[in-house]
Amino acid sequence: MNQRGHGVALFSGGLDSALAILLILRQDIRVTALTFMTHFGCDITDTSSCAHDPSSIADKFGFTAKVVHLGEKFIEVVRHPRHGYGKNMNPCIDCRILMLREAGEFMELTGADFVFTGEVLGQRPMSQRRPQLDLIARESGIKGRLVRPLSGRLLPATDAERSGLLDRSRLEAISGRSRKRQMELAEKFGLEDYPTPAAGCLLTDPNYSRRLRDLFSHQSLVDFTDLNLLKIGRHFRLDEKSKVIVGHHEKDNAKIVRYRQDGDWMFEAKGCGSPLTLLKGVLTDENTRLAAAITARYCDMKYEPAVPITYDAKTESRVLTAAPLDDDTLERLRI
């Protein structure tokens, strides 16, 4: 194990963060890589860089990888970002500050020397222009101990460079959105198993962001079940306190069953291909009618004038007949 120093990496599993780690390892520095997970990212088995399993690269190149969940801290950042949102609900600057603060605490706890990232000057317009990089370093509380190896020679020297722990001449001077130099480094270092760039953060997705805005505007308390449900199915707002989620396919139906909570009502057209529809909120007569009509609209009997719909709340089951909801009303309710 390398013992000249100890660096703490922010590691997404993507190409840039992997290359940053390899550059630091080549200076005989021990690396502990932190992969931060949120309920607004993707599953760790997904192919996008935000959720690429860090263990395979860590095992191959000899560094330690740890997964850290930000939990409620990140929900608060998304709900109330000090530095605003990007194009959708992505609070990129506040997100980066939070992760760096957490990494800084880990650095202090473990006695590490510095924190480093795979950020590239000018690559992302919201968070990686020079003023934003400076702001993030300052507000994270680790300015001077924050290294960005891929653009290191274009940025002010850090404490690790001034002390001689890191050789500044061996850092890169990459800027902009071209990935040509990164691809050259990947080939040089033998880095083959990495994902292509992907927008893995759901907060950059306009459909997901629209659902999240609706959730925040109607619920003061949001739990992880609420956030998980935003990822699946079709969503319709019935009133200020009630919404329904309708499965697209069997995988969605299975997740709806999994995330169902006490007090939720489930609607289904029995005996034919049917989505599961989850009603979260108040079971008024009107909401019951709408949830049943939406279920009828998406089942295999959607061209029939009336469809028998079964609905239950785990302890009791009822049946009503509903006409499939018309498209105009459906679109008016869609989130």
C-alpha atoms as a PDB file:
ATOM      1  CA  MET A   1       0.000   0.000   0.000  1.00  0.00           C
ATOM      2  CA  ASN A   2       1.269   3.464  -0.960  1.00  0.00           C
ATOM      3  CA  GLN A   3       2.140   5.539   2.093  1.00  0.00           C
ATOM      4  CA  ARG A   4       3.485   8.914   0.879  1.00  0.00           C
ATOM      5  CA  GLY A   5       0.115  10.464   1.582  1.00  0.00           C
ATOM      6  CA  HIS A   6      -3.592   9.815   1.563  1.00  0.00           C
ATOM      7  CA  GLY A   7      -6.153  11.371  -0.788  1.00  0.00           C
ATOM      8  CA  VAL A   8      -9.946  11.123  -0.576  1.00  0.00           C
ATOM      9  CA  ALA A   9     -11.644  10.956  -3.980  1.00  0.00           C
ATOM     10  CA  LEU A  10     -15.170  11.750  -5.077  1.00  0.00           C
ATOM     11  CA  PHE A  11     -15.790   8.766  -7.343  1.00  0.00           C
ATOM     12  CA  SER A  12     -18.827   8.471  -9.615  1.00  0.00           C
ATOM     13  CA  GLY A  13     -17.446   5.425 -11.388  1.00  0.00           C
ATOM     14  CA  GLY A  14     -17.236   7.421 -14.606  1.00  0.00           C
ATOM     15  CA  LEU A  15     -14.200   8.123 -16.758  1.00  0.00           C
ATOM     16  CA  ASP A  16     -13.160  11.498 -15.352  1.00  0.00           C
ATOM     17  CA  SER A  17     -13.249  10.509 -11.691  1.00  0.00           C
ATOM     18  CA  ALA A  18     -11.480   7.226 -12.480  1.00  0.00           C
ATOM     19  CA  LEU A  19      -8.700   9.066 -14.334  1.00  0.00           C
ATOM     20  CA  ALA A  20      -8.295  11.510 -11.449  1.00  0.00           C
ATOM     21  CA  ILE A  21      -7.751   8.566  -9.114  1.00  0.00           C
ATOM     22  CA  LEU A  22      -5.208   6.957 -11.444  1.00  0.00           C
ATOM     23  CA  LEU A  23      -3.262  10.221 -11.725  1.00  0.00           C
ATOM     24  CA  ILE A  24      -3.053  10.454  -7.929  1.00  0.00           C
ATOM     25  CA  LEU A  25      -2.152   6.782  -7.505  1.00  0.00           C
ATOM     26  CA  ARG A  26       0.774   7.324  -9.861  1.00  0.00           C
ATOM     27  CA  GLN A  27       2.227   9.784  -7.385  1.00  0.00           C
ATOM     28  CA  ASP A  28       2.424   7.036  -4.740  1.00  0.00           C
ATOM     29  CA  ILE A  29      -0.592   8.360  -2.834  1.00  0.00           C
ATOM     30  CA  ARG A  30      -3.036   6.045  -1.103  1.00  0.00           C
ATOM     31  CA  VAL A  31      -6.606   6.664  -2.260  1.00  0.00           C
ATOM     32  CA  THR A  32      -9.941   6.158  -0.573  1.00  0.00           C
ATOM     33  CA  ALA A  33     -12.768   6.779  -3.033  1.00  0.00           C
ATOM     34  CA  LEU A  34     -16.238   7.815  -1.850  1.00  0.00           C
ATOM     35  CA  THR A  35     -19.216   7.102  -4.087  1.00  0.00           C
ATOM     36  CA  PHE A  36     -22.158   9.200  -2.937  1.00  0.00           C
ATOM     37  CA  MET A  37     -25.636   7.818  -3.441  1.00  0.00           C
ATOM     38  CA  THR A  38     -28.913   9.746  -3.417  1.00  0.00           C
ATOM     39  CA  HIS A  39     -32.517   8.862  -4.122  1.00  0.00           C
ATOM     40  CA  PHE A  40     -32.275  11.082  -7.191  1.00  0.00           C
ATOM     41  CA  GLY A  41     -29.581   9.021  -8.888  1.00  0.00           C
ATOM     42  CA  CYS A  42     -29.751   5.685 -10.609  1.00  0.00           C
ATOM     43  CA  ASP A  43     -29.363   2.169  -9.326  1.00  0.00           C
ATOM     44  CA  ILE A  44     -25.794   1.066  -8.768  1.00  0.00           C
ATOM     45  CA  THR A  45     -26.367  -1.718 -11.309  1.00  0.00           C
ATOM     46  CA  ASP A  46     -27.246   0.812 -14.012  1.00  0.00           C
ATOM     47  CA  THR A  47     -24.874   1.563 -16.882  1.00  0.00           C
ATOM     48  CA  SER A  48     -24.605   5.315 -16.474  1.00  0.00           C
ATOM     49  CA  SER A  49     -21.573   6.776 -14.790  1.00  0.00           C
ATOM     50  CA  CYS A  50     -23.432   8.094 -11.755  1.00  0.00           C
ATOM     51  CA  ALA A  51     -24.127   4.558 -10.611  1.00  0.00           C
ATOM     52  CA  HIS A  52     -21.328   2.481 -12.108  1.00  0.00           C
ATOM     53  CA  ASP A  53     -20.256  -0.096  -9.524  1.00  0.00           C
ATOM     54  CA  PRO A  54     -16.968   1.282  -8.150  1.00  0.00           C
ATOM     55  CA  SER A  55     -15.648  -2.045  -6.886  1.00  0.00           C
ATOM     56  CA  SER A  56     -14.385  -3.430 -10.213  1.00  0.00           C
ATOM     57  CA  ILE A  57     -12.118  -0.445 -10.942  1.00  0.00           C
ATOM     58  CA  ALA A  58     -11.028  -0.281  -7.300  1.00  0.00           C
ATOM     59  CA  ASP A  59     -10.044  -3.950  -7.302  1.00  0.00           C
ATOM     60  CA  LYS A  60      -8.156  -3.640 -10.574  1.00  0.00           C
ATOM     61  CA  PHE A  61      -6.095  -0.580  -9.651  1.00  0.00           C
ATOM     62  CA  GLY A  62      -5.698  -1.053  -5.927  1.00  0.00           C
ATOM     63  CA  PHE A  63      -7.610   1.610  -4.075  1.00  0.00           C
ATOM     64  CA  THR A  64     -10.379   1.505  -1.479  1.00  0.00           C
ATOM     65  CA  ALA A  65     -13.954   2.334  -2.524  1.00  0.00           C
ATOM     66  CA  LYS A  66     -16.753   3.167  -0.110  1.00  0.00           C
ATOM     67  CA  VAL A  67     -20.435   3.913  -0.788  1.00  0.00           C
ATOM     68  CA  VAL A  68     -21.944   6.765   1.231  1.00  0.00           C
ATOM     69  CA  HIS A  69     -25.663   7.614   1.224  1.00  0.00           C
ATOM     70  CA  LEU A  70     -26.498  11.292   1.697  1.00  0.00           C
ATOM     71  CA  GLY A  71     -30.110  10.584   2.702  1.00  0.00           C
ATOM     72  CA  GLU A  72     -32.159  13.423   4.192  1.00  0.00           C
ATOM     73  CA  LYS A  73     -29.317  15.934   3.777  1.00  0.00           C
ATOM     74  CA  PHE A  74     -29.627  15.722   0.034  1.00  0.00           C
ATOM     75  CA  ILE A  75     -33.414  15.989   0.033  1.00  0.00           C
ATOM     76  CA  GLU A  76     -33.082  19.285   1.892  1.00  0.00           C
ATOM     77  CA  VAL A  77     -30.524  20.522  -0.649  1.00  0.00           C
ATOM     78  CA  VAL A  78     -32.859  19.675  -3.511  1.00  0.00           C
ATOM     79  CA  ARG A  79     -35.823  21.336  -1.841  1.00  0.00           C
ATOM     80  CA  HIS A  80     -33.952  24.514  -0.851  1.00  0.00           C
ATOM     81  CA  PRO A  81     -30.750  25.006  -2.908  1.00  0.00           C
ATOM     82  CA  ARG A  82     -28.867  28.163  -1.921  1.00  0.00           C
ATOM     83  CA  HIS A  83     -27.409  28.536  -5.401  1.00  0.00           C
ATOM     84  CA  GLY A  84     -30.486  27.636  -7.416  1.00  0.00           C
ATOM     85  CA  TYR A  85     -31.303  24.980  -9.972  1.00  0.00           C
ATOM     86  CA  GLY A  86     -29.985  24.154 -13.393  1.00  0.00           C
ATOM     87  CA  LYS A  87     -32.354  23.703 -16.302  1.00  0.00           C
ATOM     88  CA  ASN A  88     -34.614  21.397 -14.296  1.00  0.00           C
ATOM     89  CA  MET A  89     -34.435  20.460 -10.586  1.00  0.00           C
ATOM     90  CA  ASN A  90     -30.686  19.886 -10.490  1.00  0.00           C
ATOM     91  CA  PRO A  91     -28.965  21.928  -7.733  1.00  0.00           C
ATOM     92  CA  CYS A  92     -25.509  21.147  -9.120  1.00  0.00           C
ATOM     93  CA  ILE A  93     -23.514  23.687  -7.114  1.00  0.00           C
ATOM     94  CA  ASP A  94     -25.180  22.857  -3.788  1.00  0.00           C
ATOM     95  CA  CYS A  95     -24.874  19.142  -4.551  1.00  0.00           C
ATOM     96  CA  ARG A  96     -21.136  19.447  -5.105  1.00  0.00           C
ATOM     97  CA  ILE A  97     -20.676  21.536  -1.969  1.00  0.00           C
ATOM     98  CA  LEU A  98     -22.526  18.954   0.135  1.00  0.00           C
ATOM     99  CA  MET A  99     -20.473  16.059  -1.233  1.00  0.00           C
ATOM    100  CA  LEU A 100     -17.215  17.921  -0.671  1.00  0.00           C
ATOM    101  CA  ARG A 101     -18.187  18.813   2.880  1.00  0.00           C
ATOM    102  CA  GLU A 102     -18.899  15.149   3.573  1.00  0.00           C
ATOM    103  CA  ALA A 103     -15.608  14.159   1.956  1.00  0.00           C
ATOM    104  CA  GLY A 104     -13.849  16.846   4.003  1.00  0.00           C
ATOM    105  CA  GLU A 105     -15.258  15.409   7.217  1.00  0.00           C
ATOM    106  CA  PHE A 106     -14.056  11.964   6.146  1.00  0.00           C
ATOM    107  CA  MET A 107     -10.629  13.441   5.379  1.00  0.00           C
ATOM    108  CA  GLU A 108     -10.391  14.900   8.876  1.00  0.00           C
ATOM    109  CA  LEU A 109     -11.689  11.731  10.497  1.00  0.00           C
ATOM    110  CA  THR A 110      -9.168   9.511   8.748  1.00  0.00           C
ATOM    111  CA  GLY A 111      -6.225  11.907   8.822  1.00  0.00           C
ATOM    112  CA  ALA A 112      -6.053  12.113   5.025  1.00  0.00           C
ATOM    113  CA  ASP A 113      -4.155  14.930   3.357  1.00  0.00           C
ATOM    114  CA  PHE A 114      -6.521  16.233   0.693  1.00  0.00           C
ATOM    115  CA  VAL A 115      -9.757  15.673  -1.230  1.00  0.00           C
ATOM    116  CA  PHE A 116      -9.832  15.420  -5.002  1.00  0.00           C
ATOM    117  CA  THR A 117     -12.399  15.146  -7.800  1.00  0.00           C
ATOM    118  CA  GLY A 118     -12.653  14.416 -11.514  1.00  0.00           C
ATOM    119  CA  GLU A 119     -13.970  17.883 -12.329  1.00  0.00           C
ATOM    120  CA  VAL A 120     -12.773  19.457 -15.567  1.00  0.00           C
ATOM    121  CA  LEU A 121     -12.579  23.225 -15.998  1.00  0.00           C
ATOM    122  CA  GLY A 122     -15.305  24.377 -18.390  1.00  0.00           C
ATOM    123  CA  GLN A 123     -16.857  20.958 -18.929  1.00  0.00           C
ATOM    124  CA  ARG A 124     -20.220  21.648 -17.249  1.00  0.00           C
ATOM    125  CA  PRO A 125     -21.702  25.129 -17.634  1.00  0.00           C
ATOM    126  CA  MET A 126     -23.409  25.360 -14.242  1.00  0.00           C
ATOM    127  CA  SER A 127     -20.793  23.992 -11.866  1.00  0.00           C
ATOM    128  CA  GLN A 128     -17.414  23.778 -13.620  1.00  0.00           C
ATOM    129  CA  ARG A 129     -16.674  27.262 -14.869  1.00  0.00           C
ATOM    130  CA  ARG A 130     -13.875  28.974 -12.981  1.00  0.00           C
ATOM    131  CA  PRO A 131     -16.036  31.213 -10.734  1.00  0.00           C
ATOM    132  CA  GLN A 132     -18.195  28.247  -9.747  1.00  0.00           C
ATOM    133  CA  LEU A 133     -15.185  26.047  -9.043  1.00  0.00           C
ATOM    134  CA  ASP A 134     -13.801  28.753  -6.754  1.00  0.00           C
ATOM    135  CA  LEU A 135     -17.161  29.199  -5.011  1.00  0.00           C
ATOM    136  CA  ILE A 136     -17.547  25.457  -4.449  1.00  0.00           C
ATOM    137  CA  ALA A 137     -14.029  25.156  -3.037  1.00  0.00           C
ATOM    138  CA  ARG A 138     -14.624  28.081  -0.695  1.00  0.00           C
ATOM    139  CA  GLU A 139     -18.068  27.047   0.592  1.00  0.00           C
ATOM    140  CA  SER A 140     -17.106  23.398   1.021  1.00  0.00           C
ATOM    141  CA  GLY A 141     -14.646  24.493   3.704  1.00  0.00           C
ATOM    142  CA  ILE A 142     -11.686  22.674   2.164  1.00  0.00           C
ATOM    143  CA  LYS A 143     -10.234  25.327  -0.131  1.00  0.00           C
ATOM    144  CA  GLY A 144      -6.513  24.712  -0.406  1.00  0.00           C
ATOM    145  CA  ARG A 145      -7.018  21.009   0.316  1.00  0.00           C
ATOM    146  CA  LEU A 146      -9.193  20.397  -2.747  1.00  0.00           C
ATOM    147  CA  VAL A 147      -7.341  19.053  -5.796  1.00  0.00           C
ATOM    148  CA  ARG A 148      -8.741  18.720  -9.318  1.00  0.00           C
ATOM    149  CA  PRO A 149      -6.079  16.600 -11.028  1.00  0.00           C
ATOM    150  CA  LEU A 150      -7.514  16.721 -14.560  1.00  0.00           C
ATOM    151  CA  SER A 151      -7.303  20.526 -14.671  1.00  0.00           C
ATOM    152  CA  GLY A 152      -4.703  20.982 -11.932  1.00  0.00           C
ATOM    153  CA  ARG A 153      -2.137  22.926 -13.937  1.00  0.00           C
ATOM    154  CA  LEU A 154      -4.804  25.456 -14.974  1.00  0.00           C
ATOM    155  CA  LEU A 155      -5.867  26.167 -11.397  1.00  0.00           C
ATOM    156  CA  PRO A 156      -4.073  27.714  -8.407  1.00  0.00           C
ATOM    157  CA  ALA A 157      -1.637  25.457  -6.570  1.00  0.00           C
ATOM    158  CA  THR A 158      -3.111  23.576  -3.634  1.00  0.00           C
ATOM    159  CA  ASP A 159      -1.583  22.851  -0.234  1.00  0.00           C
ATOM    160  CA  ALA A 160      -0.573  19.369  -1.394  1.00  0.00           C
ATOM    161  CA  GLU A 161       1.359  20.849  -4.302  1.00  0.00           C
ATOM    162  CA  ARG A 162       3.005  23.608  -2.290  1.00  0.00           C
ATOM    163  CA  SER A 163       4.166  21.102   0.328  1.00  0.00           C
ATOM    164  CA  GLY A 164       5.640  18.792  -2.310  1.00  0.00           C
ATOM    165  CA  LEU A 165       3.232  15.955  -1.598  1.00  0.00           C
ATOM    166  CA  LEU A 166       1.924  16.252  -5.167  1.00  0.00           C
ATOM    167  CA  ASP A 167       4.042  17.055  -8.212  1.00  0.00           C
ATOM    168  CA  ARG A 168       2.111  19.762 -10.077  1.00  0.00           C
ATOM    169  CA  SER A 169       3.884  18.964 -13.338  1.00  0.00           C
ATOM    170  CA  ARG A 170       2.284  15.493 -13.309  1.00  0.00           C
ATOM    171  CA  LEU A 171      -1.241  16.887 -13.092  1.00  0.00           C
ATOM    172  CA  GLU A 172      -3.232  17.495 -16.284  1.00  0.00           C
ATOM    173  CA  ALA A 173      -4.339  20.762 -17.934  1.00  0.00           C
ATOM    174  CA  ILE A 174      -7.630  19.670 -19.493  1.00  0.00           C
ATOM    175  CA  SER A 175     -10.420  22.162 -20.142  1.00  0.00           C
ATOM    176  CA  GLY A 176     -13.640  22.240 -22.123  1.00  0.00           C
ATOM    177  CA  ARG A 177     -16.041  19.536 -23.213  1.00  0.00           C
ATOM    178  CA  SER A 178     -13.784  17.528 -25.530  1.00  0.00           C
ATOM    179  CA  ARG A 179     -12.854  14.152 -24.110  1.00  0.00           C
ATOM    180  CA  LYS A 180      -9.935  13.501 -26.454  1.00  0.00           C
ATOM    181  CA  ARG A 181      -7.280  13.807 -23.744  1.00  0.00           C
ATOM    182  CA  GLN A 182      -9.302  11.646 -21.353  1.00  0.00           C
ATOM    183  CA  MET A 183      -9.528   8.907 -23.959  1.00  0.00           C
ATOM    184  CA  GLU A 184      -5.750   9.088 -24.474  1.00  0.00           C
ATOM    185  CA  LEU A 185      -5.178   8.758 -20.727  1.00  0.00           C
ATOM    186  CA  ALA A 186      -7.596   5.852 -20.467  1.00  0.00           C
ATOM    187  CA  GLU A 187      -5.659   3.961 -23.119  1.00  0.00           C
ATOM    188  CA  LYS A 188      -2.343   4.838 -21.480  1.00  0.00           C
ATOM    189  CA  PHE A 189      -3.490   3.642 -18.055  1.00  0.00           C
ATOM    190  CA  GLY A 190      -5.243   0.506 -19.307  1.00  0.00           C
ATOM    191  CA  LEU A 191      -8.638   1.763 -18.187  1.00  0.00           C
ATOM    192  CA  GLU A 192     -11.124  -0.146 -20.301  1.00  0.00           C
ATOM    193  CA  ASP A 193     -14.237  -0.787 -18.205  1.00  0.00           C
ATOM    194  CA  TYR A 194     -15.932   2.557 -17.876  1.00  0.00           C
ATOM    195  CA  PRO A 195     -19.380   3.812 -18.954  1.00  0.00           C
ATOM    196  CA  THR A 196     -19.993   6.361 -21.662  1.00  0.00           C
ATOM    197  CA  PRO A 197     -21.084   9.777 -20.392  1.00  0.00           C
ATOM    198  CA  ALA A 198     -24.748   9.705 -19.386  1.00  0.00           C
ATOM    199  CA  ALA A 199     -27.203  11.976 -17.631  1.00  0.00           C
ATOM    200  CA  GLY A 200     -27.681   9.631 -14.726  1.00  0.00           C
ATOM    201  CA  CYS A 201     -29.019  12.259 -12.326  1.00  0.00           C
ATOM    202  CA  LEU A 202     -32.814  12.166 -12.432  1.00  0.00           C
ATOM    203  CA  LEU A 203     -32.913  15.801 -11.395  1.00  0.00           C
ATOM    204  CA  THR A 204     -31.793  16.745 -14.913  1.00  0.00           C
ATOM    205  CA  ASP A 205     -34.745  14.876 -16.434  1.00  0.00           C
ATOM    206  CA  PRO A 206     -37.680  17.205 -17.234  1.00  0.00           C
ATOM    207  CA  ASN A 207     -40.374  14.570 -16.630  1.00  0.00           C
ATOM    208  CA  TYR A 208     -38.971  13.500 -13.278  1.00  0.00           C
ATOM    209  CA  SER A 209     -38.408  17.134 -12.280  1.00  0.00           C
ATOM    210  CA  ARG A 210     -42.031  17.976 -13.059  1.00  0.00           C
ATOM    211  CA  ARG A 211     -43.183  15.143 -10.783  1.00  0.00           C
ATOM    212  CA  LEU A 212     -40.806  16.230  -8.041  1.00  0.00           C
ATOM    213  CA  ARG A 213     -42.020  19.845  -8.172  1.00  0.00           C
ATOM    214  CA  ASP A 214     -45.570  18.575  -7.854  1.00  0.00           C
ATOM    215  CA  LEU A 215     -44.622  16.412  -4.869  1.00  0.00           C
ATOM    216  CA  PHE A 216     -42.820  19.234  -3.071  1.00  0.00           C
ATOM    217  CA  SER A 217     -45.718  21.629  -3.708  1.00  0.00           C
ATOM    218  CA  HIS A 218     -48.281  19.232  -2.209  1.00  0.00           C
ATOM    219  CA  GLN A 219     -46.333  17.563   0.634  1.00  0.00           C
ATOM    220  CA  SER A 220     -44.331  19.218   3.380  1.00  0.00           C
ATOM    221  CA  LEU A 221     -42.901  15.848   4.434  1.00  0.00           C
ATOM    222  CA  VAL A 222     -41.384  13.636   1.750  1.00  0.00           C
ATOM    223  CA  ASP A 223     -39.990  10.164   2.416  1.00  0.00           C
ATOM    224  CA  PHE A 224     -37.921   7.785   0.328  1.00  0.00           C
ATOM    225  CA  THR A 225     -40.999   5.811  -0.745  1.00  0.00           C
ATOM    226  CA  ASP A 226     -42.426   8.979  -2.298  1.00  0.00           C
ATOM    227  CA  LEU A 227     -39.170   9.535  -4.174  1.00  0.00           C
ATOM    228  CA  ASN A 228     -38.943   5.943  -5.375  1.00  0.00           C
ATOM    229  CA  LEU A 229     -42.483   6.116  -6.744  1.00  0.00           C
ATOM    230  CA  LEU A 230     -41.567   9.171  -8.829  1.00  0.00           C
ATOM    231  CA  LYS A 231     -39.304   6.945 -10.931  1.00  0.00           C
ATOM    232  CA  ILE A 232     -42.023   4.590 -12.139  1.00  0.00           C
ATOM    233  CA  GLY A 233     -45.292   4.588 -14.062  1.00  0.00           C
ATOM    234  CA  ARG A 234     -47.603   7.409 -15.097  1.00  0.00           C
ATOM    235  CA  HIS A 235     -48.589  10.054 -12.525  1.00  0.00           C
ATOM    236  CA  PHE A 236     -51.872  11.946 -12.234  1.00  0.00           C
ATOM    237  CA  ARG A 237     -52.880  14.627  -9.721  1.00  0.00           C
ATOM    238  CA  LEU A 238     -56.505  14.180  -8.572  1.00  0.00           C
ATOM    239  CA  ASP A 239     -56.689  16.935  -5.951  1.00  0.00           C
ATOM    240  CA  GLU A 240     -54.467  18.821  -3.504  1.00  0.00           C
ATOM    241  CA  LYS A 241     -54.051  15.758  -1.286  1.00  0.00           C
ATOM    242  CA  SER A 242     -54.343  12.854  -3.735  1.00  0.00           C
ATOM    243  CA  LYS A 243     -52.567  11.402  -6.750  1.00  0.00           C
ATOM    244  CA  VAL A 244     -52.433   8.095  -8.606  1.00  0.00           C
ATOM    245  CA  ILE A 245     -49.519   6.174 -10.080  1.00  0.00           C
ATOM    246  CA  VAL A 246     -50.287   3.779 -12.935  1.00  0.00           C
ATOM    247  CA  GLY A 247     -47.840   1.035 -13.905  1.00  0.00           C
ATOM    248  CA  HIS A 248     -46.458   0.893 -17.450  1.00  0.00           C
ATOM    249  CA  HIS A 249     -45.627  -2.827 -17.351  1.00  0.00           C
ATOM    250  CA  GLU A 250     -45.039  -5.795 -15.046  1.00  0.00           C
ATOM    251  CA  LYS A 251     -41.855  -4.323 -13.563  1.00  0.00           C
ATOM    252  CA  ASP A 252     -43.716  -1.153 -12.633  1.00  0.00           C
ATOM    253  CA  ASN A 253     -46.564  -3.207 -11.169  1.00  0.00           C
ATOM    254  CA  ALA A 254     -44.102  -5.139  -9.009  1.00  0.00           C
ATOM    255  CA  LYS A 255     -42.566  -1.900  -7.725  1.00  0.00           C
ATOM    256  CA  ILE A 256     -45.987  -0.443  -6.980  1.00  0.00           C
ATOM    257  CA  VAL A 257     -46.731  -3.481  -4.826  1.00  0.00           C
ATOM    258  CA  ARG A 258     -43.350  -3.119  -3.156  1.00  0.00           C
ATOM    259  CA  TYR A 259     -43.747   0.580  -2.334  1.00  0.00           C
ATOM    260  CA  ARG A 260     -47.390   0.428  -1.313  1.00  0.00           C
ATOM    261  CA  GLN A 261     -48.001   1.754   2.195  1.00  0.00           C
ATOM    262  CA  ASP A 262     -50.794   1.370   4.696  1.00  0.00           C
ATOM    263  CA  GLY A 263     -53.721   3.533   3.622  1.00  0.00           C
ATOM    264  CA  ASP A 264     -52.917   3.309  -0.111  1.00  0.00           C
ATOM    265  CA  TRP A 265     -55.623   1.902  -2.367  1.00  0.00           C
ATOM    266  CA  MET A 266     -54.838  -0.401  -5.306  1.00  0.00           C
ATOM    267  CA  PHE A 267     -56.986  -0.554  -8.464  1.00  0.00           C
ATOM    268  CA  GLU A 268     -56.893  -3.299 -11.110  1.00  0.00           C
ATOM    269  CA  ALA A 269     -59.032  -4.700 -13.928  1.00  0.00           C
ATOM    270  CA  LYS A 270     -59.078  -8.378 -13.021  1.00  0.00           C
ATOM    271  CA  GLY A 271     -59.096 -11.057 -15.710  1.00  0.00           C
ATOM    272  CA  CYS A 272     -57.317  -9.044 -18.399  1.00  0.00           C
ATOM    273  CA  GLY A 273     -53.991  -7.326 -18.952  1.00  0.00           C
ATOM    274  CA  SER A 274     -54.134  -4.452 -16.518  1.00  0.00           C
ATOM    275  CA  PRO A 275     -51.835  -1.969 -14.843  1.00  0.00           C
ATOM    276  CA  LEU A 276     -51.859  -1.631 -11.111  1.00  0.00           C
ATOM    277  CA  THR A 277     -52.989   1.830 -10.084  1.00  0.00           C
ATOM    278  CA  LEU A 278     -51.957   3.161  -6.693  1.00  0.00           C
ATOM    279  CA  LEU A 279     -54.094   5.868  -5.095  1.00  0.00           C
ATOM    280  CA  LYS A 280     -52.178   7.853  -2.500  1.00  0.00           C
ATOM    281  CA  GLY A 281     -54.302  10.308  -0.583  1.00  0.00           C
ATOM    282  CA  VAL A 282     -58.005  10.591   0.148  1.00  0.00           C
ATOM    283  CA  LEU A 283     -60.515   8.013  -1.146  1.00  0.00           C
ATOM    284  CA  THR A 284     -63.371  10.359  -1.991  1.00  0.00           C
ATOM    285  CA  ASP A 285     -66.149   9.245  -4.347  1.00  0.00           C
ATOM    286  CA  GLU A 286     -64.671  11.408  -7.104  1.00  0.00           C
ATOM    287  CA  ASN A 287     -61.134  10.119  -6.586  1.00  0.00           C
ATOM    288  CA  THR A 288     -62.404   6.547  -6.607  1.00  0.00           C
ATOM    289  CA  ARG A 289     -64.217   7.181  -9.880  1.00  0.00           C
ATOM    290  CA  LEU A 290     -61.181   8.830 -11.472  1.00  0.00           C
ATOM    291  CA  ALA A 291     -58.709   6.154 -10.329  1.00  0.00           C
ATOM    292  CA  ALA A 292     -60.990   3.415 -11.658  1.00  0.00           C
ATOM    293  CA  ALA A 293     -61.537   5.246 -14.965  1.00  0.00           C
ATOM    294  CA  ILE A 294     -57.775   5.764 -15.405  1.00  0.00           C
ATOM    295  CA  THR A 295     -57.168   2.061 -14.732  1.00  0.00           C
ATOM    296  CA  ALA A 296     -59.841   1.162 -17.286  1.00  0.00           C
ATOM    297  CA  ARG A 297     -58.208   3.501 -19.812  1.00  0.00           C
ATOM    298  CA  TYR A 298     -54.877   1.645 -19.645  1.00  0.00           C
ATOM    299  CA  CYS A 299     -56.096  -1.965 -19.370  1.00  0.00           C
ATOM    300  CA  ASP A 300     -56.711  -4.360 -22.295  1.00  0.00           C
ATOM    301  CA  MET A 301     -60.452  -3.637 -22.133  1.00  0.00           C
ATOM    302  CA  LYS A 302     -59.957   0.081 -22.775  1.00  0.00           C
ATOM    303  CA  TYR A 303     -62.248   0.037 -25.835  1.00  0.00           C
ATOM    304  CA  GLU A 304     -65.176  -1.397 -23.872  1.00  0.00           C
ATOM    305  CA  PRO A 305     -67.862   1.035 -22.659  1.00  0.00           C
ATOM    306  CA  ALA A 306     -67.579  -0.219 -19.071  1.00  0.00           C
ATOM    307  CA  VAL A 307     -64.875  -2.173 -17.228  1.00  0.00           C
ATOM    308  CA  PRO A 308     -65.157  -3.941 -13.840  1.00  0.00           C
ATOM    309  CA  ILE A 309     -62.429  -2.533 -11.571  1.00  0.00           C
ATOM    310  CA  THR A 310     -61.408  -4.117  -8.275  1.00  0.00           C
ATOM    311  CA  TYR A 311     -59.904  -1.881  -5.641  1.00  0.00           C
ATOM    312  CA  ASP A 312     -58.649  -2.660  -2.170  1.00  0.00           C
ATOM    313  CA  ALA A 313     -56.742  -1.327   0.823  1.00  0.00           C
ATOM    314  CA  LYS A 314     -55.179  -4.650   1.909  1.00  0.00           C
ATOM    315  CA  THR A 315     -57.903  -5.378   4.465  1.00  0.00           C
ATOM    316  CA  GLU A 316     -60.962  -4.907   2.240  1.00  0.00           C
ATOM    317  CA  SER A 317     -61.835  -5.253  -1.431  1.00  0.00           C
ATOM    318  CA  ARG A 318     -64.543  -3.581  -3.526  1.00  0.00           C
ATOM    319  CA  VAL A 319     -65.672  -3.621  -7.157  1.00  0.00           C
ATOM    320  CA  LEU A 320     -67.140  -0.900  -9.337  1.00  0.00           C
ATOM    321  CA  THR A 321     -67.757  -0.480 -13.039  1.00  0.00           C
ATOM    322  CA  ALA A 322     -65.972   2.394 -14.778  1.00  0.00           C
ATOM    323  CA  ALA A 323     -65.884   3.814 -18.273  1.00  0.00           C
ATOM    324  CA  PRO A 324     -62.343   4.429 -19.544  1.00  0.00           C
ATOM    325  CA  LEU A 325     -61.357   8.042 -18.914  1.00  0.00           C
ATOM    326  CA  ASP A 326     -61.402  10.324 -21.947  1.00  0.00           C
ATOM    327  CA  ASP A 327     -58.082  11.584 -23.245  1.00  0.00           C
ATOM    328  CA  ASP A 328     -58.763  15.278 -22.586  1.00  0.00           C
ATOM    329  CA  THR A 329     -59.415  14.688 -18.882  1.00  0.00           C
ATOM    330  CA  LEU A 330     -56.474  12.295 -18.701  1.00  0.00           C
ATOM    331  CA  GLU A 331     -54.093  14.939 -20.023  1.00  0.00           C
ATOM    332  CA  ARG A 332     -55.510  17.582 -17.714  1.00  0.00           C
ATOM    333  CA  LEU A 333     -54.723  15.392 -14.689  1.00  0.00           C
ATOM    334  CA  ARG A 334     -51.325  14.176 -15.890  1.00  0.00           C
ATOM    335  CA  ILE A 335     -48.311  15.394 -13.917  1.00  0.00           C
END
